[in-house]
C-alpha atoms as a PDB file:
ATOM      1  CA  MET A   1       0.000   0.000   0.000  1.00  0.00           C
ATOM      2  CA  THR A   2       1.462   3.367  -1.031  1.00  0.00           C
ATOM      3  CA  THR A   3       1.490   6.500   1.057  1.00  0.00           C
ATOM      4  CA  ALA A   4      -1.209   8.012  -1.135  1.00  0.00           C
ATOM      5  CA  GLU A   5      -3.454   4.979  -0.501  1.00  0.00           C
ATOM      6  CA  GLN A   6      -2.848   4.984   3.250  1.00  0.00           C
ATOM      7  CA  ALA A   7      -3.939   8.529   4.000  1.00  0.00           C
ATOM      8  CA  PRO A   8      -7.013  10.073   2.469  1.00  0.00           C
ATOM      9  CA  GLU A   9      -6.261  13.193   0.486  1.00  0.00           C
ATOM     10  CA  ARG A  10      -6.627  16.303   2.569  1.00  0.00           C
ATOM     11  CA  ARG A  11      -8.994  18.773   0.985  1.00  0.00           C
ATOM     12  CA  ARG A  12      -8.798  22.458   1.612  1.00  0.00           C
ATOM     13  CA  THR A  13     -12.145  23.872   2.476  1.00  0.00           C
ATOM     14  CA  ARG A  14     -12.985  27.512   2.261  1.00  0.00           C
ATOM     15  CA  ILE A  15     -13.845  29.057   5.612  1.00  0.00           C
ATOM     16  CA  ASN A  16     -17.435  30.217   5.527  1.00  0.00           C
ATOM     17  CA  SER A  17     -18.096  31.955   8.822  1.00  0.00           C
ATOM     18  CA  LYS A  18     -21.365  33.388  10.004  1.00  0.00           C
ATOM     19  CA  ILE A  19     -20.069  36.875   9.225  1.00  0.00           C
ATOM     20  CA  GLU A  20     -19.330  35.890   5.633  1.00  0.00           C
ATOM     21  CA  GLN A  21     -22.940  34.732   5.329  1.00  0.00           C
ATOM     22  CA  LEU A  22     -24.311  38.125   6.380  1.00  0.00           C
ATOM     23  CA  PRO A  23     -26.000  40.390   3.829  1.00  0.00           C
ATOM     24  CA  PRO A  24     -23.356  42.402   1.934  1.00  0.00           C
ATOM     25  CA  ASP A  25     -24.341  45.760   3.456  1.00  0.00           C
ATOM     26  CA  VAL A  26     -24.114  44.403   7.029  1.00  0.00           C
ATOM     27  CA  ARG A  27     -20.802  42.702   6.297  1.00  0.00           C
ATOM     28  CA  LEU A  28     -19.374  45.936   4.859  1.00  0.00           C
ATOM     29  CA  GLN A  29     -20.340  47.715   8.066  1.00  0.00           C
ATOM     30  CA  VAL A  30     -18.644  44.971  10.091  1.00  0.00           C
ATOM     31  CA  ASP A  31     -15.514  45.401   7.946  1.00  0.00           C
ATOM     32  CA  ASP A  32     -15.608  49.152   8.573  1.00  0.00           C
ATOM     33  CA  MET A  33     -16.045  48.595  12.312  1.00  0.00           C
ATOM     34  CA  ILE A  34     -13.089  46.178  12.352  1.00  0.00           C
ATOM     35  CA  THR A  35     -10.810  48.754  10.703  1.00  0.00           C
ATOM     36  CA  ASP A  36     -11.815  51.333  13.331  1.00  0.00           C
ATOM     37  CA  ALA A  37      -9.559  50.556  16.297  1.00  0.00           C
ATOM     38  CA  SER A  38     -11.996  52.192  18.728  1.00  0.00           C
ATOM     39  CA  ASN A  39     -14.410  49.243  18.273  1.00  0.00           C
ATOM     40  CA  THR A  40     -13.836  46.116  20.323  1.00  0.00           C
ATOM     41  CA  TYR A  41     -14.930  42.676  19.175  1.00  0.00           C
ATOM     42  CA  THR A  42     -17.555  42.804  21.913  1.00  0.00           C
ATOM     43  CA  ASP A  43     -18.849  46.122  20.514  1.00  0.00           C
ATOM     44  CA  ILE A  44     -19.140  44.588  17.053  1.00  0.00           C
ATOM     45  CA  SER A  45     -20.800  41.434  18.398  1.00  0.00           C
ATOM     46  CA  ASP A  46     -23.308  43.544  20.391  1.00  0.00           C
ATOM     47  CA  TRP A  47     -24.054  45.671  17.310  1.00  0.00           C
ATOM     48  CA  LEU A  48     -24.634  42.521  15.224  1.00  0.00           C
ATOM     49  CA  LYS A  49     -26.991  41.141  17.887  1.00  0.00           C
ATOM     50  CA  ALA A  50     -28.910  44.437  17.802  1.00  0.00           C
ATOM     51  CA  GLN A  51     -29.227  43.951  14.026  1.00  0.00           C
ATOM     52  CA  GLY A  52     -30.700  40.460  14.574  1.00  0.00           C
ATOM     53  CA  HIS A  53     -27.548  38.401  13.945  1.00  0.00           C
ATOM     54  CA  ASP A  54     -26.407  36.260  16.871  1.00  0.00           C
ATOM     55  CA  ILE A  55     -22.628  36.241  16.324  1.00  0.00           C
ATOM     56  CA  SER A  56     -20.198  35.803  19.202  1.00  0.00           C
ATOM     57  CA  ARG A  57     -17.206  37.953  20.082  1.00  0.00           C
ATOM     58  CA  GLY A  58     -14.925  35.006  19.243  1.00  0.00           C
ATOM     59  CA  ALA A  59     -16.410  34.669  15.748  1.00  0.00           C
ATOM     60  CA  VAL A  60     -15.856  38.395  15.195  1.00  0.00           C
ATOM     61  CA  GLY A  61     -12.257  38.043  16.379  1.00  0.00           C
ATOM     62  CA  ARG A  62     -11.515  35.083  14.086  1.00  0.00           C
ATOM     63  CA  TYR A  63     -13.066  36.919  11.152  1.00  0.00           C
ATOM     64  CA  ALA A  64     -11.052  40.068  11.958  1.00  0.00           C
ATOM     65  CA  ILE A  65      -7.820  38.053  12.030  1.00  0.00           C
ATOM     66  CA  ARG A  66      -8.564  36.600   8.573  1.00  0.00           C
ATOM     67  CA  VAL A  67      -9.523  40.014   7.156  1.00  0.00           C
ATOM     68  CA  ASN A  68      -6.431  41.692   8.600  1.00  0.00           C
ATOM     69  CA  GLU A  69      -4.152  38.886   7.368  1.00  0.00           C
ATOM     70  CA  ALA A  70      -5.604  39.109   3.859  1.00  0.00           C
ATOM     71  CA  ALA A  71      -5.207  42.897   3.878  1.00  0.00           C
ATOM     72  CA  ARG A  72      -1.600  42.558   5.058  1.00  0.00           C
ATOM     73  CA  ARG A  73      -0.781  40.084   2.254  1.00  0.00           C
ATOM     74  CA  VAL A  74      -2.354  42.344  -0.363  1.00  0.00           C
ATOM     75  CA  ALA A  75      -0.463  45.380   0.974  1.00  0.00           C
ATOM     76  CA  GLU A  76       2.846  43.473   0.932  1.00  0.00           C
ATOM     77  CA  SER A  77       2.241  42.260  -2.628  1.00  0.00           C
ATOM     78  CA  LEU A  78       1.366  45.761  -3.786  1.00  0.00           C
ATOM     79  CA  GLU A  79       4.483  47.179  -2.127  1.00  0.00           C
ATOM     80  CA  LYS A  80       6.740  44.561  -3.732  1.00  0.00           C
ATOM     81  CA  THR A  81       5.153  45.115  -7.127  1.00  0.00           C
ATOM     82  CA  LYS A  82       5.582  48.883  -6.758  1.00  0.00           C
ATOM     83  CA  LEU A  83       9.271  48.453  -5.884  1.00  0.00           C
ATOM     84  CA  ILE A  84       9.849  46.218  -8.891  1.00  0.00           C
ATOM     85  CA  LEU A  85       8.005  48.594 -11.233  1.00  0.00           C
ATOM     86  CA  ASP A  86      10.041  51.514  -9.880  1.00  0.00           C
ATOM     87  CA  ARG A  87      13.249  49.574 -10.485  1.00  0.00           C
ATOM     88  CA  ILE A  88      12.175  48.710 -14.055  1.00  0.00           C
ATOM     89  CA  GLU A  89      11.311  52.350 -14.676  1.00  0.00           C
ATOM     90  CA  ARG A  90      14.733  53.522 -13.419  1.00  0.00           C
ATOM     91  CA  ASN A  91      16.577  50.791 -15.319  1.00  0.00           C
ATOM     92  CA  PRO A  92      15.043  50.237 -18.783  1.00  0.00           C
ATOM     93  CA  ASP A  93      17.576  47.466 -19.485  1.00  0.00           C
ATOM     94  CA  LEU A  94      16.028  45.315 -16.737  1.00  0.00           C
ATOM     95  CA  ASP A  95      14.121  42.377 -18.198  1.00  0.00           C
ATOM     96  CA  PRO A  96      10.418  42.616 -17.158  1.00  0.00           C
ATOM     97  CA  ALA A  97      10.044  38.853 -17.590  1.00  0.00           C
ATOM     98  CA  LYS A  98      12.780  38.261 -15.004  1.00  0.00           C
ATOM     99  CA  ALA A  99      11.105  40.779 -12.684  1.00  0.00           C
ATOM    100  CA  ALA A 100       7.779  38.951 -13.036  1.00  0.00           C
ATOM    101  CA  GLN A 101       9.553  35.664 -12.419  1.00  0.00           C
ATOM    102  CA  ALA A 102      11.101  37.112  -9.251  1.00  0.00           C
ATOM    103  CA  ILE A 103       7.639  38.133  -8.011  1.00  0.00           C
ATOM    104  CA  MET A 104       6.319  34.625  -8.670  1.00  0.00           C
ATOM    105  CA  ILE A 105       9.269  32.968  -6.963  1.00  0.00           C
ATOM    106  CA  ASP A 106       8.847  35.239  -3.939  1.00  0.00           C
ATOM    107  CA  GLY A 107       5.169  34.334  -3.710  1.00  0.00           C
ATOM    108  CA  LEU A 108       5.932  30.628  -4.026  1.00  0.00           C
ATOM    109  CA  MET A 109       8.626  30.851  -1.368  1.00  0.00           C
ATOM    110  CA  GLN A 110       6.190  32.536   1.022  1.00  0.00           C
ATOM    111  CA  ARG A 111       3.601  29.880   0.275  1.00  0.00           C
ATOM    112  CA  MET A 112       6.111  27.076   0.787  1.00  0.00           C
ATOM    113  CA  SER A 113       7.363  28.538   4.056  1.00  0.00           C
ATOM    114  CA  THR A 114       3.877  28.165   5.543  1.00  0.00           C
ATOM    115  CA  ALA A 115       3.041  24.794   4.004  1.00  0.00           C
ATOM    116  CA  ASP A 116       4.949  22.351   6.218  1.00  0.00           C
ATOM    117  CA  ASP A 117       1.956  20.049   6.719  1.00  0.00           C
ATOM    118  CA  GLU A 118       1.173  20.002   3.017  1.00  0.00           C
ATOM    119  CA  PHE A 119       4.761  19.087   2.132  1.00  0.00           C
ATOM    120  CA  TYR A 120       4.757  16.228   4.626  1.00  0.00           C
ATOM    121  CA  GLU A 121       1.490  14.950   3.175  1.00  0.00           C
ATOM    122  CA  MET A 122       2.604  15.329  -0.460  1.00  0.00           C
ATOM    123  CA  PRO A 123       3.101  11.954  -2.177  1.00  0.00           C
ATOM    124  CA  LEU A 124       6.733  11.273  -3.067  1.00  0.00           C
ATOM    125  CA  ASP A 125       6.024  10.969  -6.793  1.00  0.00           C
ATOM    126  CA  GLN A 126       4.390  14.408  -6.803  1.00  0.00           C
ATOM    127  CA  ALA A 127       7.327  15.914  -4.878  1.00  0.00           C
ATOM    128  CA  GLY A 128       9.703  14.294  -7.376  1.00  0.00           C
ATOM    129  CA  ARG A 129       7.812  15.759 -10.342  1.00  0.00           C
ATOM    130  CA  LEU A 130       7.878  19.199  -8.711  1.00  0.00           C
ATOM    131  CA  LEU A 131      11.621  18.969  -8.124  1.00  0.00           C
ATOM    132  CA  ALA A 132      12.180  17.749 -11.701  1.00  0.00           C
ATOM    133  CA  SER A 133      10.199  20.664 -13.123  1.00  0.00           C
ATOM    134  CA  PHE A 134      12.365  23.153 -11.204  1.00  0.00           C
ATOM    135  CA  ARG A 135      15.453  21.394 -12.524  1.00  0.00           C
ATOM    136  CA  ARG A 136      14.142  21.495 -16.134  1.00  0.00           C
ATOM    137  CA  VAL A 137      13.579  25.254 -15.897  1.00  0.00           C
ATOM    138  CA  ASN A 138      17.117  25.726 -14.576  1.00  0.00           C
ATOM    139  CA  VAL A 139      18.624  23.588 -17.355  1.00  0.00           C
ATOM    140  CA  ALA A 140      16.552  25.360 -20.041  1.00  0.00           C
ATOM    141  CA  GLU A 141      17.686  28.764 -18.794  1.00  0.00           C
ATOM    142  CA  LYS A 142      21.354  27.702 -18.860  1.00  0.00           C
ATOM    143  CA  LYS A 143      20.962  26.214 -22.356  1.00  0.00           C
ATOM    144  CA  LEU A 144      19.320  29.398 -23.618  1.00  0.00           C
ATOM    145  CA  THR A 145      22.165  31.500 -22.207  1.00  0.00           C
ATOM    146  CA  PHE A 146      24.760  29.179 -23.759  1.00  0.00           C
ATOM    147  CA  ASP A 147      22.986  29.201 -27.144  1.00  0.00           C
ATOM    148  CA  MET A 148      22.739  32.988 -27.102  1.00  0.00           C
ATOM    149  CA  ARG A 149      26.437  33.380 -26.308  1.00  0.00           C
ATOM    150  CA  SER A 150      27.332  30.902 -29.063  1.00  0.00           C
ATOM    151  CA  LYS A 151      25.233  32.834 -31.569  1.00  0.00           C
ATOM    152  CA  ILE A 152      26.821  36.125 -30.468  1.00  0.00           C
ATOM    153  CA  ASP A 153      30.299  34.633 -30.857  1.00  0.00           C
ATOM    154  CA  LEU A 154      29.466  33.221 -34.291  1.00  0.00           C
ATOM    155  CA  ALA A 155      27.880  36.468 -35.490  1.00  0.00           C
ATOM    156  CA  PHE A 156      30.851  38.546 -34.371  1.00  0.00           C
ATOM    157  CA  GLU A 157      33.340  36.118 -35.919  1.00  0.00           C
ATOM    158  CA  GLN A 158      31.465  36.286 -39.230  1.00  0.00           C
ATOM    159  CA  LEU A 159      31.223  40.066 -39.036  1.00  0.00           C
ATOM    160  CA  GLU A 160      34.926  40.312 -38.275  1.00  0.00           C
ATOM    161  CA  VAL A 161      35.802  38.085 -41.257  1.00  0.00           C
ATOM    162  CA  GLU A 162      33.634  40.128 -43.609  1.00  0.00           C
ATOM    163  CA  LEU A 163      34.946  43.472 -42.406  1.00  0.00           C
ATOM    164  CA  LYS A 164      38.542  42.287 -42.447  1.00  0.00           C
ATOM    165  CA  SER A 165      38.149  41.184 -46.034  1.00  0.00           C
ATOM    166  CA  LEU A 166      37.060  44.732 -46.867  1.00  0.00           C
ATOM    167  CA  ILE A 167      39.903  46.467 -45.063  1.00  0.00           C
ATOM    168  CA  PHE A 168      42.653  43.818 -45.012  1.00  0.00           C
ATOM    169  CA  ASN A 169      44.969  46.091 -46.966  1.00  0.00           C
ATOM    170  CA  ASP A 170      45.128  48.562 -44.053  1.00  0.00           C
ATOM    171  CA  PRO A 171      46.649  46.821 -40.970  1.00  0.00           C
ATOM    172  CA  VAL A 172      45.982  49.793 -38.642  1.00  0.00           C
ATOM    173  CA  LEU A 173      42.268  49.834 -39.481  1.00  0.00           C
ATOM    174  CA  SER A 174      42.155  46.057 -39.221  1.00  0.00           C
ATOM    175  CA  GLU A 175      43.582  46.137 -35.662  1.00  0.00           C
ATOM    176  CA  GLN A 176      41.258  48.985 -34.600  1.00  0.00           C
ATOM    177  CA  LEU A 177      38.268  47.061 -35.940  1.00  0.00           C
ATOM    178  CA  ARG A 178      39.252  43.929 -34.017  1.00  0.00           C
ATOM    179  CA  GLU A 179      39.500  45.971 -30.777  1.00  0.00           C
ATOM    180  CA  ILE A 180      36.088  47.579 -31.375  1.00  0.00           C
ATOM    181  CA  LEU A 181      34.454  44.210 -32.043  1.00  0.00           C
ATOM    182  CA  THR A 182      36.031  42.657 -28.958  1.00  0.00           C
ATOM    183  CA  LYS A 183      34.741  45.486 -26.748  1.00  0.00           C
ATOM    184  CA  ALA A 184      31.251  45.265 -28.294  1.00  0.00           C
ATOM    185  CA  LYS A 185      31.106  41.500 -27.745  1.00  0.00           C
ATOM    186  CA  GLU A 186      32.247  41.839 -24.133  1.00  0.00           C
ATOM    187  CA  LYS A 187      29.573  44.478 -23.500  1.00  0.00           C
ATOM    188  CA  MET A 188      26.806  42.307 -25.006  1.00  0.00           C
ATOM    189  CA  VAL A 189      27.824  39.271 -22.963  1.00  0.00           C
ATOM    190  CA  ALA A 190      28.083  41.394 -19.792  1.00  0.00           C
ATOM    191  CA  ASP A 191      24.614  42.905 -20.374  1.00  0.00           C
ATOM    192  CA  GLU A 192      22.956  39.488 -20.406  1.00  0.00           C
END
């Protein structure tokens, strides 16, 4: 019997509290009351009871924790995105695809850092596939970089041959051209 057969698959269920089941206008007022630090959970619970909704102080507190945590995550994501966009704006040579990839990796790392139980419950074959996919991306990126450098080298060698054939009679120009091409190639490789 495999690990996957031994333990039933754990399903994530969406939390659906009593507050989330309230009419939208009442729930918006609860959200507003939660953001106002002068209201206690007891105050909010008493107000809800006066509106005809029997919701305990504890339920209000649990809901407030979820709302505040979600708001914190959104604020952090917005701040990180703003920083990355500012950096792209200041440095037009920065690759937006790499910036987007960095955002995704950061989000995945945050998710993984809080998913201990899920990793322990993950079947080994699934963990292996996940690891292999990360490895494939790494190998593909290295191959792409190698291919690009090879193409740059080949293009510059061909360009050098063609230009030298045009100016081979002038050794001074030939040497200056070789120096210019070498510097240009080094700059292109460094800018990757």
